[in-house]
PDB file of N, CA and C in Angstrom:
ATOM      1  N   MET A   1      85.788  74.998  84.295  1.00  0.00           N
ATOM      2  CA  MET A   1      86.540  74.446  85.404  1.00  0.00           C
ATOM      3  C   MET A   1      87.678  75.407  85.738  1.00  0.00           C
ATOM      4  N   CYS A   2      87.937  75.582  87.029  1.00  0.00           N
ATOM      5  CA  CYS A   2      88.985  76.491  87.488  1.00  0.00           C
ATOM      6  C   CYS A   2      90.288  75.728  87.678  1.00  0.00           C
ATOM      7  N   TYR A   3      91.379  76.344  87.266  1.00  0.00           N
ATOM      8  CA  TYR A   3      92.706  75.747  87.452  1.00  0.00           C
ATOM      9  C   TYR A   3      93.616  76.767  88.118  1.00  0.00           C
ATOM     10  N   SER A   4      94.568  76.277  88.861  1.00  0.00           N
ATOM     11  CA  SER A   4      95.520  77.147  89.541  1.00  0.00           C
ATOM     12  C   SER A   4      96.919  76.865  89.039  1.00  0.00           C
ATOM     13  N   GLN A   5      97.695  77.923  88.863  1.00  0.00           N
ATOM     14  CA  GLN A   5      99.081  77.778  88.463  1.00  0.00           C
ATOM     15  C   GLN A   5      99.967  77.479  89.669  1.00  0.00           C
ATOM     16  N   HIS A   6      99.428  77.685  90.866  1.00  0.00           N
ATOM     17  CA  HIS A   6     100.196  77.469  92.081  1.00  0.00           C
ATOM     18  C   HIS A   6     100.007  76.033  92.553  1.00  0.00           C
ATOM     19  N   PHE A   7     101.102  75.326  92.769  1.00  0.00           N
ATOM     20  CA  PHE A   7     101.008  73.924  93.150  1.00  0.00           C
ATOM     21  C   PHE A   7     100.561  73.753  94.596  1.00  0.00           C
ATOM     22  N   PHE A   8     100.715  74.789  95.432  1.00  0.00           N
ATOM     23  CA  PHE A   8     100.385  74.654  96.846  1.00  0.00           C
ATOM     24  C   PHE A   8      98.946  75.064  97.163  1.00  0.00           C
ATOM     25  N   VAL A   9      98.210  75.589  96.201  1.00  0.00           N
ATOM     26  CA  VAL A   9      96.821  75.974  96.403  1.00  0.00           C
ATOM     27  C   VAL A   9      95.937  74.975  95.669  1.00  0.00           C
ATOM     28  N   GLN A  10      94.982  74.418  96.393  1.00  0.00           N
ATOM     29  CA  GLN A  10      94.082  73.454  95.782  1.00  0.00           C
ATOM     30  C   GLN A  10      93.176  74.153  94.770  1.00  0.00           C
ATOM     31  N   PRO A  11      92.954  73.536  93.633  1.00  0.00           N
ATOM     32  CA  PRO A  11      92.088  74.160  92.616  1.00  0.00           C
ATOM     33  C   PRO A  11      90.672  74.431  93.132  1.00  0.00           C
ATOM     34  N   ARG A  12      90.182  73.595  94.054  1.00  0.00           N
ATOM     35  CA  ARG A  12      88.835  73.787  94.595  1.00  0.00           C
ATOM     36  C   ARG A  12      88.755  75.113  95.361  1.00  0.00           C
ATOM     37  N   ILE A  13      89.807  75.444  96.083  1.00  0.00           N
ATOM     38  CA  ILE A  13      89.816  76.704  96.837  1.00  0.00           C
ATOM     39  C   ILE A  13      89.787  77.887  95.880  1.00  0.00           C
ATOM     40  N   ILE A  14      90.553  77.797  94.801  1.00  0.00           N
ATOM     41  CA  ILE A  14      90.571  78.876  93.807  1.00  0.00           C
ATOM     42  C   ILE A  14      89.188  79.042  93.187  1.00  0.00           C
ATOM     43  N   CYS A  15      88.506  77.958  92.891  1.00  0.00           N
ATOM     44  CA  CYS A  15      87.164  78.031  92.304  1.00  0.00           C
ATOM     45  C   CYS A  15      86.176  78.686  93.267  1.00  0.00           C
ATOM     46  N   ILE A  16      86.225  78.285  94.540  1.00  0.00           N
ATOM     47  CA  ILE A  16      85.306  78.845  95.527  1.00  0.00           C
ATOM     48  C   ILE A  16      85.589  80.333  95.723  1.00  0.00           C
ATOM     49  N   LEU A  17      86.851  80.703  95.864  1.00  0.00           N
ATOM     50  CA  LEU A  17      87.196  82.117  96.028  1.00  0.00           C
ATOM     51  C   LEU A  17      86.799  82.933  94.805  1.00  0.00           C
ATOM     52  N   SER A  18      86.971  82.365  93.630  1.00  0.00           N
ATOM     53  CA  SER A  18      86.551  83.054  92.402  1.00  0.00           C
ATOM     54  C   SER A  18      85.048  83.261  92.384  1.00  0.00           C
ATOM     55  N   ALA A  19      84.302  82.228  92.769  1.00  0.00           N
ATOM     56  CA  ALA A  19      82.839  82.342  92.806  1.00  0.00           C
ATOM     57  C   ALA A  19      82.404  83.399  93.817  1.00  0.00           C
ATOM     58  N   LEU A  20      83.033  83.419  94.995  1.00  0.00           N
ATOM     59  CA  LEU A  20      82.698  84.420  96.003  1.00  0.00           C
ATOM     60  C   LEU A  20      83.001  85.831  95.498  1.00  0.00           C
ATOM     61  N   ASN A  21      84.130  85.994  94.838  1.00  0.00           N
ATOM     62  CA  ASN A  21      84.489  87.311  94.296  1.00  0.00           C
ATOM     63  C   ASN A  21      83.510  87.765  93.220  1.00  0.00           C
ATOM     64  N   VAL A  22      83.134  86.868  92.337  1.00  0.00           N
ATOM     65  CA  VAL A  22      82.193  87.219  91.256  1.00  0.00           C
ATOM     66  C   VAL A  22      80.838  87.614  91.836  1.00  0.00           C
ATOM     67  N   ILE A  23      80.338  86.849  92.805  1.00  0.00           N
ATOM     68  CA  ILE A  23      79.051  87.177  93.427  1.00  0.00           C
ATOM     69  C   ILE A  23      79.129  88.527  94.126  1.00  0.00           C
ATOM     70  N   PHE A  24      80.230  88.775  94.841  1.00  0.00           N
ATOM     71  CA  PHE A  24      80.387  90.058  95.527  1.00  0.00           C
ATOM     72  C   PHE A  24      80.391  91.210  94.531  1.00  0.00           C
ATOM     73  N   ILE A  25      81.129  91.079  93.452  1.00  0.00           N
ATOM     74  CA  ILE A  25      81.222  92.151  92.453  1.00  0.00           C
ATOM     75  C   ILE A  25      79.872  92.400  91.790  1.00  0.00           C
ATOM     76  N   ILE A  26      79.144  91.336  91.476  1.00  0.00           N
ATOM     77  CA  ILE A  26      77.820  91.498  90.864  1.00  0.00           C
ATOM     78  C   ILE A  26      76.860  92.187  91.826  1.00  0.00           C
ATOM     79  N   ALA A  27      76.856  91.756  93.095  1.00  0.00           N
ATOM     80  CA  ALA A  27      75.967  92.373  94.086  1.00  0.00           C
ATOM     81  C   ALA A  27      76.345  93.835  94.312  1.00  0.00           C
ATOM     82  N   TYR A  28      77.632  94.119  94.389  1.00  0.00           N
ATOM     83  CA  TYR A  28      78.105  95.492  94.597  1.00  0.00           C
ATOM     84  C   TYR A  28      77.719  96.374  93.410  1.00  0.00           C
ATOM     85  N   ALA A  29      77.879  95.844  92.213  1.00  0.00           N
ATOM     86  CA  ALA A  29      77.505  96.606  91.011  1.00  0.00           C
ATOM     87  C   ALA A  29      76.002  96.857  90.977  1.00  0.00           C
ATOM     88  N   ALA A  30      75.214  95.852  91.368  1.00  0.00           N
ATOM     89  CA  ALA A  30      73.756  96.027  91.378  1.00  0.00           C
ATOM     90  C   ALA A  30      73.342  97.085  92.390  1.00  0.00           C
ATOM     91  N   ILE A  31      74.038  97.139  93.529  1.00  0.00           N
ATOM     92  CA  ILE A  31      73.736  98.167  94.521  1.00  0.00           C
ATOM     93  C   ILE A  31      74.145  99.542  93.998  1.00  0.00           C
ATOM     94  N   ALA A  32      75.300  99.620  93.352  1.00  0.00           N
ATOM     95  CA  ALA A  32      75.774 100.899  92.817  1.00  0.00           C
ATOM     96  C   ALA A  32      74.887 101.401  91.678  1.00  0.00           C
ATOM     97  N   LEU A  33      74.331 100.501  90.911  1.00  0.00           N
ATOM     98  CA  LEU A  33      73.497 100.870  89.753  1.00  0.00           C
ATOM     99  C   LEU A  33      72.012 100.712  90.060  1.00  0.00           C
ATOM    100  N   VAL A  34      71.612 101.049  91.276  1.00  0.00           N
ATOM    101  CA  VAL A  34      70.240 100.825  91.725  1.00  0.00           C
ATOM    102  C   VAL A  34      69.215 101.560  90.855  1.00  0.00           C
ATOM    103  N   HIS A  35      69.506 102.781  90.438  1.00  0.00           N
ATOM    104  CA  HIS A  35      68.520 103.532  89.656  1.00  0.00           C
ATOM    105  C   HIS A  35      68.388 103.018  88.224  1.00  0.00           C
ATOM    106  N   PRO A  36      69.485 102.807  87.490  1.00  0.00           N
ATOM    107  CA  PRO A  36      69.307 102.289  86.124  1.00  0.00           C
ATOM    108  C   PRO A  36      68.714 100.869  86.091  1.00  0.00           C
ATOM    109  N   LEU A  37      69.073 100.034  87.071  1.00  0.00           N
ATOM    110  CA  LEU A  37      68.562  98.661  87.081  1.00  0.00           C
ATOM    111  C   LEU A  37      67.183  98.538  87.705  1.00  0.00           C
ATOM    112  N   LYS A  38      66.776  99.588  88.429  1.00  0.00           N
ATOM    113  CA  LYS A  38      65.487  99.601  89.115  1.00  0.00           C
ATOM    114  C   LYS A  38      65.351  98.401  90.065  1.00  0.00           C
ATOM    115  N   VAL A  39      66.372  98.216  90.898  1.00  0.00           N
ATOM    116  CA  VAL A  39      66.343  97.155  91.902  1.00  0.00           C
ATOM    117  C   VAL A  39      66.435  97.774  93.285  1.00  0.00           C
ATOM    118  N   ASN A  40      66.032  97.024  94.279  1.00  0.00           N
ATOM    119  CA  ASN A  40      66.066  97.465  95.660  1.00  0.00           C
ATOM    120  C   ASN A  40      67.443  97.180  96.247  1.00  0.00           C
ATOM    121  N   LYS A  41      68.073  98.191  96.857  1.00  0.00           N
ATOM    122  CA  LYS A  41      69.408  98.015  97.431  1.00  0.00           C
ATOM    123  C   LYS A  41      69.408  96.960  98.523  1.00  0.00           C
ATOM    124  N   SER A  42      68.441  97.030  99.403  1.00  0.00           N
ATOM    125  CA  SER A  42      68.404  96.098 100.531  1.00  0.00           C
ATOM    126  C   SER A  42      68.219  94.669 100.056  1.00  0.00           C
ATOM    127  N   ALA A  43      67.315  94.466  99.132  1.00  0.00           N
ATOM    128  CA  ALA A  43      67.079  93.115  98.620  1.00  0.00           C
ATOM    129  C   ALA A  43      68.320  92.575  97.924  1.00  0.00           C
ATOM    130  N   THR A  44      68.972  93.410  97.141  1.00  0.00           N
ATOM    131  CA  THR A  44      70.189  92.988  96.446  1.00  0.00           C
ATOM    132  C   THR A  44      71.276  92.616  97.445  1.00  0.00           C
ATOM    133  N   ALA A  45      71.443  93.445  98.475  1.00  0.00           N
ATOM    134  CA  ALA A  45      72.460  93.170  99.487  1.00  0.00           C
ATOM    135  C   ALA A  45      72.154  91.879 100.237  1.00  0.00           C
ATOM    136  N   LEU A  46      70.903  91.669 100.607  1.00  0.00           N
ATOM    137  CA  LEU A  46      70.536  90.457 101.337  1.00  0.00           C
ATOM    138  C   LEU A  46      70.705  89.199 100.487  1.00  0.00           C
ATOM    139  N   ILE A  47      70.337  89.289  99.232  1.00  0.00           N
ATOM    140  CA  ILE A  47      70.517  88.138  98.334  1.00  0.00           C
ATOM    141  C   ILE A  47      72.006  87.850  98.149  1.00  0.00           C
ATOM    142  N   GLY A  48      72.795  88.898  97.944  1.00  0.00           N
ATOM    143  CA  GLY A  48      74.238  88.721  97.778  1.00  0.00           C
ATOM    144  C   GLY A  48      74.881  88.102  99.006  1.00  0.00           C
ATOM    145  N   VAL A  49      74.553  88.627 100.177  1.00  0.00           N
ATOM    146  CA  VAL A  49      75.118  88.094 101.421  1.00  0.00           C
ATOM    147  C   VAL A  49      74.653  86.659 101.641  1.00  0.00           C
ATOM    148  N   GLY A  50      73.399  86.393 101.355  1.00  0.00           N
ATOM    149  CA  GLY A  50      72.886  85.026 101.501  1.00  0.00           C
ATOM    150  C   GLY A  50      73.621  84.044 100.605  1.00  0.00           C
ATOM    151  N   LEU A  51      73.850  84.436  99.363  1.00  0.00           N
ATOM    152  CA  LEU A  51      74.592  83.568  98.440  1.00  0.00           C
ATOM    153  C   LEU A  51      76.035  83.368  98.895  1.00  0.00           C
ATOM    154  N   LEU A  52      76.681  84.445  99.342  1.00  0.00           N
ATOM    155  CA  LEU A  52      78.066  84.343  99.800  1.00  0.00           C
ATOM    156  C   LEU A  52      78.185  83.401 100.996  1.00  0.00           C
ATOM    157  N   TRP A  53      77.316  83.556 101.987  1.00  0.00           N
ATOM    158  CA  TRP A  53      77.375  82.684 103.158  1.00  0.00           C
ATOM    159  C   TRP A  53      77.010  81.248 102.816  1.00  0.00           C
ATOM    160  N   THR A  54      76.058  81.060 101.895  1.00  0.00           N
ATOM    161  CA  THR A  54      75.666  79.697 101.508  1.00  0.00           C
ATOM    162  C   THR A  54      76.819  78.976 100.821  1.00  0.00           C
ATOM    163  N   ILE A  55      77.467  79.640  99.878  1.00  0.00           N
ATOM    164  CA  ILE A  55      78.603  79.012  99.186  1.00  0.00           C
ATOM    165  C   ILE A  55      79.722  78.720 100.171  1.00  0.00           C
ATOM    166  N   TYR A  56      79.991  79.669 101.073  1.00  0.00           N
ATOM    167  CA  TYR A  56      81.034  79.480 102.075  1.00  0.00           C
ATOM    168  C   TYR A  56      80.696  78.299 102.987  1.00  0.00           C
ATOM    169  N   ALA A  57      79.447  78.211 103.431  1.00  0.00           N
ATOM    170  CA  ALA A  57      79.037  77.132 104.331  1.00  0.00           C
ATOM    171  C   ALA A  57      79.145  75.771 103.653  1.00  0.00           C
ATOM    172  N   VAL A  58      78.743  75.694 102.401  1.00  0.00           N
ATOM    173  CA  VAL A  58      78.830  74.429 101.668  1.00  0.00           C
ATOM    174  C   VAL A  58      80.293  74.041 101.474  1.00  0.00           C
ATOM    175  N   PHE A  59      81.142  75.009 101.200  1.00  0.00           N
ATOM    176  CA  PHE A  59      82.559  74.730 100.991  1.00  0.00           C
ATOM    177  C   PHE A  59      83.228  74.268 102.285  1.00  0.00           C
ATOM    178  N   ILE A  60      82.950  74.942 103.393  1.00  0.00           N
ATOM    179  CA  ILE A  60      83.570  74.594 104.678  1.00  0.00           C
ATOM    180  C   ILE A  60      83.070  73.235 105.156  1.00  0.00           C
ATOM    181  N   GLY A  61      81.775  73.028 105.120  1.00  0.00           N
ATOM    182  CA  GLY A  61      81.212  71.742 105.507  1.00  0.00           C
ATOM    183  C   GLY A  61      81.112  71.512 107.007  1.00  0.00           C
ATOM    184  N   ASP A  62      81.589  72.430 107.828  1.00  0.00           N
ATOM    185  CA  ASP A  62      81.534  72.305 109.283  1.00  0.00           C
ATOM    186  C   ASP A  62      80.461  73.254 109.803  1.00  0.00           C
ATOM    187  N   ALA A  63      79.291  72.707 110.109  1.00  0.00           N
ATOM    188  CA  ALA A  63      78.148  73.537 110.488  1.00  0.00           C
ATOM    189  C   ALA A  63      78.418  74.338 111.759  1.00  0.00           C
ATOM    190  N   HIS A  64      79.092  73.750 112.730  1.00  0.00           N
ATOM    191  CA  HIS A  64      79.369  74.457 113.984  1.00  0.00           C
ATOM    192  C   HIS A  64      80.288  75.658 113.746  1.00  0.00           C
ATOM    193  N   ARG A  65      81.328  75.460 112.958  1.00  0.00           N
ATOM    194  CA  ARG A  65      82.271  76.545 112.650  1.00  0.00           C
ATOM    195  C   ARG A  65      81.588  77.679 111.901  1.00  0.00           C
ATOM    196  N   VAL A  66      80.781  77.325 110.904  1.00  0.00           N
ATOM    197  CA  VAL A  66      80.073  78.338 110.118  1.00  0.00           C
ATOM    198  C   VAL A  66      79.067  79.075 110.996  1.00  0.00           C
ATOM    199  N   SER A  67      78.398  78.351 111.881  1.00  0.00           N
ATOM    200  CA  SER A  67      77.432  78.975 112.792  1.00  0.00           C
ATOM    201  C   SER A  67      78.109  79.989 113.702  1.00  0.00           C
ATOM    202  N   ASP A  68      79.274  79.629 114.244  1.00  0.00           N
ATOM    203  CA  ASP A  68      80.016  80.560 115.094  1.00  0.00           C
ATOM    204  C   ASP A  68      80.453  81.791 114.317  1.00  0.00           C
ATOM    205  N   GLN A  69      80.960  81.582 113.105  1.00  0.00           N
ATOM    206  CA  GLN A  69      81.424  82.706 112.298  1.00  0.00           C
ATOM    207  C   GLN A  69      80.267  83.602 111.867  1.00  0.00           C
ATOM    208  N   LEU A  70      79.143  83.002 111.505  1.00  0.00           N
ATOM    209  CA  LEU A  70      77.969  83.779 111.113  1.00  0.00           C
ATOM    210  C   LEU A  70      77.441  84.578 112.302  1.00  0.00           C
ATOM    211  N   GLY A  71      77.415  83.955 113.473  1.00  0.00           N
ATOM    212  CA  GLY A  71      76.975  84.665 114.679  1.00  0.00           C
ATOM    213  C   GLY A  71      77.865  85.846 115.000  1.00  0.00           C
ATOM    214  N   GLU A  72      79.176  85.655 114.884  1.00  0.00           N
ATOM    215  CA  GLU A  72      80.126  86.744 115.125  1.00  0.00           C
ATOM    216  C   GLU A  72      79.929  87.870 114.110  1.00  0.00           C
ATOM    217  N   SER A  73      79.729  87.523 112.860  1.00  0.00           N
ATOM    218  CA  SER A  73      79.524  88.526 111.822  1.00  0.00           C
ATOM    219  C   SER A  73      78.232  89.306 112.054  1.00  0.00           C
ATOM    220  N   LEU A  74      77.166  88.603 112.409  1.00  0.00           N
ATOM    221  CA  LEU A  74      75.895  89.279 112.681  1.00  0.00           C
ATOM    222  C   LEU A  74      75.999  90.186 113.903  1.00  0.00           C
ATOM    223  N   MET A  75      76.753  89.751 114.913  1.00  0.00           N
ATOM    224  CA  MET A  75      76.920  90.564 116.106  1.00  0.00           C
ATOM    225  C   MET A  75      77.649  91.869 115.778  1.00  0.00           C
ATOM    226  N   ARG A  76      78.734  91.780 115.014  1.00  0.00           N
ATOM    227  CA  ARG A  76      79.472  92.987 114.646  1.00  0.00           C
ATOM    228  C   ARG A  76      78.628  93.919 113.786  1.00  0.00           C
ATOM    229  N   THR A  77      77.884  93.347 112.855  1.00  0.00           N
ATOM    230  CA  THR A  77      77.020  94.160 111.995  1.00  0.00           C
ATOM    231  C   THR A  77      75.930  94.840 112.821  1.00  0.00           C
ATOM    232  N   SER A  78      75.343  94.121 113.755  1.00  0.00           N
ATOM    233  CA  SER A  78      74.304  94.694 114.620  1.00  0.00           C
ATOM    234  C   SER A  78      74.841  95.832 115.464  1.00  0.00           C
ATOM    235  N   GLN A  79      76.047  95.683 115.989  1.00  0.00           N
ATOM    236  CA  GLN A  79      76.644  96.756 116.780  1.00  0.00           C
ATOM    237  C   GLN A  79      76.792  98.026 115.953  1.00  0.00           C
ATOM    238  N   ILE A  80      77.234  97.893 114.727  1.00  0.00           N
ATOM    239  CA  ILE A  80      77.399  99.057 113.850  1.00  0.00           C
ATOM    240  C   ILE A  80      76.042  99.694 113.556  1.00  0.00           C
ATOM    241  N   ILE A  81      75.049  98.867 113.252  1.00  0.00           N
ATOM    242  CA  ILE A  81      73.717  99.392 112.928  1.00  0.00           C
ATOM    243  C   ILE A  81      73.107 100.115 114.121  1.00  0.00           C
ATOM    244  N   PHE A  82      73.209  99.540 115.314  1.00  0.00           N
ATOM    245  CA  PHE A  82      72.651 100.198 116.496  1.00  0.00           C
ATOM    246  C   PHE A  82      73.367 101.513 116.794  1.00  0.00           C
ATOM    247  N   PHE A  83      74.684 101.544 116.618  1.00  0.00           N
ATOM    248  CA  PHE A  83      75.423 102.792 116.803  1.00  0.00           C
ATOM    249  C   PHE A  83      74.937 103.848 115.811  1.00  0.00           C
ATOM    250  N   LEU A  84      74.817 103.465 114.541  1.00  0.00           N
ATOM    251  CA  LEU A  84      74.383 104.427 113.520  1.00  0.00           C
ATOM    252  C   LEU A  84      72.957 104.904 113.753  1.00  0.00           C
ATOM    253  N   MET A  85      72.082 104.018 114.225  1.00  0.00           N
ATOM    254  CA  MET A  85      70.703 104.432 114.520  1.00  0.00           C
ATOM    255  C   MET A  85      70.683 105.475 115.634  1.00  0.00           C
ATOM    256  N   GLY A  86      71.502 105.266 116.670  1.00  0.00           N
ATOM    257  CA  GLY A  86      71.584 106.244 117.749  1.00  0.00           C
ATOM    258  C   GLY A  86      72.138 107.573 117.267  1.00  0.00           C
ATOM    259  N   ALA A  87      73.193 107.515 116.466  1.00  0.00           N
ATOM    260  CA  ALA A  87      73.791 108.742 115.938  1.00  0.00           C
ATOM    261  C   ALA A  87      72.814 109.477 115.033  1.00  0.00           C
ATOM    262  N   MET A  88      72.099 108.748 114.194  1.00  0.00           N
ATOM    263  CA  MET A  88      71.128 109.384 113.301  1.00  0.00           C
ATOM    264  C   MET A  88      69.982 109.998 114.097  1.00  0.00           C
ATOM    265  N   THR A  89      69.589 109.357 115.187  1.00  0.00           N
ATOM    266  CA  THR A  89      68.525 109.901 116.035  1.00  0.00           C
ATOM    267  C   THR A  89      68.964 111.220 116.656  1.00  0.00           C
ATOM    268  N   MET A  90      70.196 111.277 117.151  1.00  0.00           N
ATOM    269  CA  MET A  90      70.695 112.532 117.746  1.00  0.00           C
ATOM    270  C   MET A  90      70.757 113.647 116.711  1.00  0.00           C
ATOM    271  N   VAL A  91      71.193 113.331 115.500  1.00  0.00           N
ATOM    272  CA  VAL A  91      71.248 114.333 114.444  1.00  0.00           C
ATOM    273  C   VAL A  91      69.840 114.832 114.118  1.00  0.00           C
ATOM    274  N   GLU A  92      68.877 113.940 114.054  1.00  0.00           N
ATOM    275  CA  GLU A  92      67.491 114.341 113.773  1.00  0.00           C
ATOM    276  C   GLU A  92      66.932 115.234 114.869  1.00  0.00           C
ATOM    277  N   VAL A  93      67.242 114.913 116.134  1.00  0.00           N
ATOM    278  CA  VAL A  93      66.761 115.739 117.240  1.00  0.00           C
ATOM    279  C   VAL A  93      67.366 117.136 117.161  1.00  0.00           C
ATOM    280  N   VAL A  94      68.671 117.213 116.922  1.00  0.00           N
ATOM    281  CA  VAL A  94      69.325 118.521 116.796  1.00  0.00           C
ATOM    282  C   VAL A  94      68.731 119.293 115.619  1.00  0.00           C
ATOM    283  N   ASP A  95      68.519 118.615 114.503  1.00  0.00           N
ATOM    284  CA  ASP A  95      67.972 119.270 113.315  1.00  0.00           C
ATOM    285  C   ASP A  95      66.528 119.726 113.542  1.00  0.00           C
ATOM    286  N   SER A  96      65.728 118.931 114.229  1.00  0.00           N
ATOM    287  CA  SER A  96      64.324 119.301 114.457  1.00  0.00           C
ATOM    288  C   SER A  96      64.197 120.529 115.352  1.00  0.00           C
ATOM    289  N   HIS A  97      65.224 120.804 116.167  1.00  0.00           N
ATOM    290  CA  HIS A  97      65.216 121.990 117.023  1.00  0.00           C
ATOM    291  C   HIS A  97      66.089 123.111 116.446  1.00  0.00           C
ATOM    292  N   ASN A  98      66.372 123.015 115.142  1.00  0.00           N
ATOM    293  CA  ASN A  98      67.153 124.024 114.422  1.00  0.00           C
ATOM    294  C   ASN A  98      68.541 124.245 115.022  1.00  0.00           C
ATOM    295  N   GLY A  99      69.119 123.208 115.555  1.00  0.00           N
ATOM    296  CA  GLY A  99      70.445 123.294 116.158  1.00  0.00           C
ATOM    297  C   GLY A  99      71.530 123.606 115.150  1.00  0.00           C
ATOM    298  N   PHE A 100      71.375 123.100 113.956  1.00  0.00           N
ATOM    299  CA  PHE A 100      72.398 123.364 112.935  1.00  0.00           C
ATOM    300  C   PHE A 100      72.311 124.790 112.410  1.00  0.00           C
ATOM    301  N   LYS A 101      71.118 125.372 112.397  1.00  0.00           N
ATOM    302  CA  LYS A 101      70.981 126.767 111.965  1.00  0.00           C
ATOM    303  C   LYS A 101      71.687 127.698 112.939  1.00  0.00           C
ATOM    304  N   VAL A 102      71.615 127.377 114.226  1.00  0.00           N
ATOM    305  CA  VAL A 102      72.296 128.194 115.240  1.00  0.00           C
ATOM    306  C   VAL A 102      73.794 128.183 114.990  1.00  0.00           C
ATOM    307  N   ILE A 103      74.329 127.023 114.674  1.00  0.00           N
ATOM    308  CA  ILE A 103      75.770 126.901 114.437  1.00  0.00           C
ATOM    309  C   ILE A 103      76.168 127.602 113.146  1.00  0.00           C
ATOM    310  N   THR A 104      75.423 127.387 112.067  1.00  0.00           N
ATOM    311  CA  THR A 104      75.800 127.975 110.782  1.00  0.00           C
ATOM    312  C   THR A 104      75.650 129.494 110.775  1.00  0.00           C
ATOM    313  N   LYS A 105      74.732 130.034 111.577  1.00  0.00           N
ATOM    314  CA  LYS A 105      74.600 131.498 111.658  1.00  0.00           C
ATOM    315  C   LYS A 105      75.825 132.130 112.316  1.00  0.00           C
ATOM    316  N   ARG A 106      76.471 131.391 113.184  1.00  0.00           N
ATOM    317  CA  ARG A 106      77.618 131.934 113.917  1.00  0.00           C
ATOM    318  C   ARG A 106      78.904 131.860 113.104  1.00  0.00           C
ATOM    319  N   ILE A 107      78.901 131.169 111.990  1.00  0.00           N
ATOM    320  CA  ILE A 107      80.087 131.082 111.144  1.00  0.00           C
ATOM    321  C   ILE A 107      80.174 132.361 110.325  1.00  0.00           C
ATOM    322  N   GLN A 108      81.272 133.106 110.505  1.00  0.00           N
ATOM    323  CA  GLN A 108      81.424 134.413 109.873  1.00  0.00           C
ATOM    324  C   GLN A 108      82.265 134.388 108.602  1.00  0.00           C
ATOM    325  N   THR A 109      83.006 133.329 108.390  1.00  0.00           N
ATOM    326  CA  THR A 109      83.926 133.288 107.254  1.00  0.00           C
ATOM    327  C   THR A 109      83.444 132.309 106.189  1.00  0.00           C
ATOM    328  N   SER A 110      83.892 132.538 104.983  1.00  0.00           N
ATOM    329  CA  SER A 110      83.581 131.612 103.900  1.00  0.00           C
ATOM    330  C   SER A 110      84.849 130.970 103.351  1.00  0.00           C
ATOM    331  N   LYS A 111      86.002 131.280 103.988  1.00  0.00           N
ATOM    332  CA  LYS A 111      87.277 130.722 103.548  1.00  0.00           C
ATOM    333  C   LYS A 111      87.476 129.352 104.168  1.00  0.00           C
ATOM    334  N   LEU A 112      87.745 128.379 103.339  1.00  0.00           N
ATOM    335  CA  LEU A 112      87.893 127.009 103.815  1.00  0.00           C
ATOM    336  C   LEU A 112      89.036 126.839 104.827  1.00  0.00           C
ATOM    337  N   PRO A 113      90.239 127.395 104.592  1.00  0.00           N
ATOM    338  CA  PRO A 113      91.312 127.216 105.589  1.00  0.00           C
ATOM    339  C   PRO A 113      90.941 127.773 106.962  1.00  0.00           C
ATOM    340  N   THR A 114      90.193 128.863 106.996  1.00  0.00           N
ATOM    341  CA  THR A 114      89.778 129.450 108.270  1.00  0.00           C
ATOM    342  C   THR A 114      88.761 128.547 108.966  1.00  0.00           C
ATOM    343  N   LEU A 115      87.905 127.910 108.194  1.00  0.00           N
ATOM    344  CA  LEU A 115      86.912 127.006 108.783  1.00  0.00           C
ATOM    345  C   LEU A 115      87.550 125.774 109.387  1.00  0.00           C
ATOM    346  N   MET A 116      88.667 125.345 108.801  1.00  0.00           N
ATOM    347  CA  MET A 116      89.340 124.165 109.306  1.00  0.00           C
ATOM    348  C   MET A 116      89.983 124.473 110.631  1.00  0.00           C
TER     349      MET A 116
END
């Protein structure tokens, strides 16, 4: 059972926040240790996020509020993913046409301060 030393914070909130933190740390560690644990990064991340949102939704108890927040979170995540996909596509196109070789051939110095 979780207890709080602070009189103004409900013990239930401390327990939920502790559970969310523990799940996040475990999922993050599993992603960081993907090779020794032989687990899939994507699956670990999805399971972790699913557990975090489920615990949060059960704690809040307001389905409409959680739905709005989940929608906002998914929208922001999608925007980042679409941006990165576009950026990665441009890098691949430049690389497939040896664009980076053209740039690196023109670099005459090996001194880091000069490159900056």
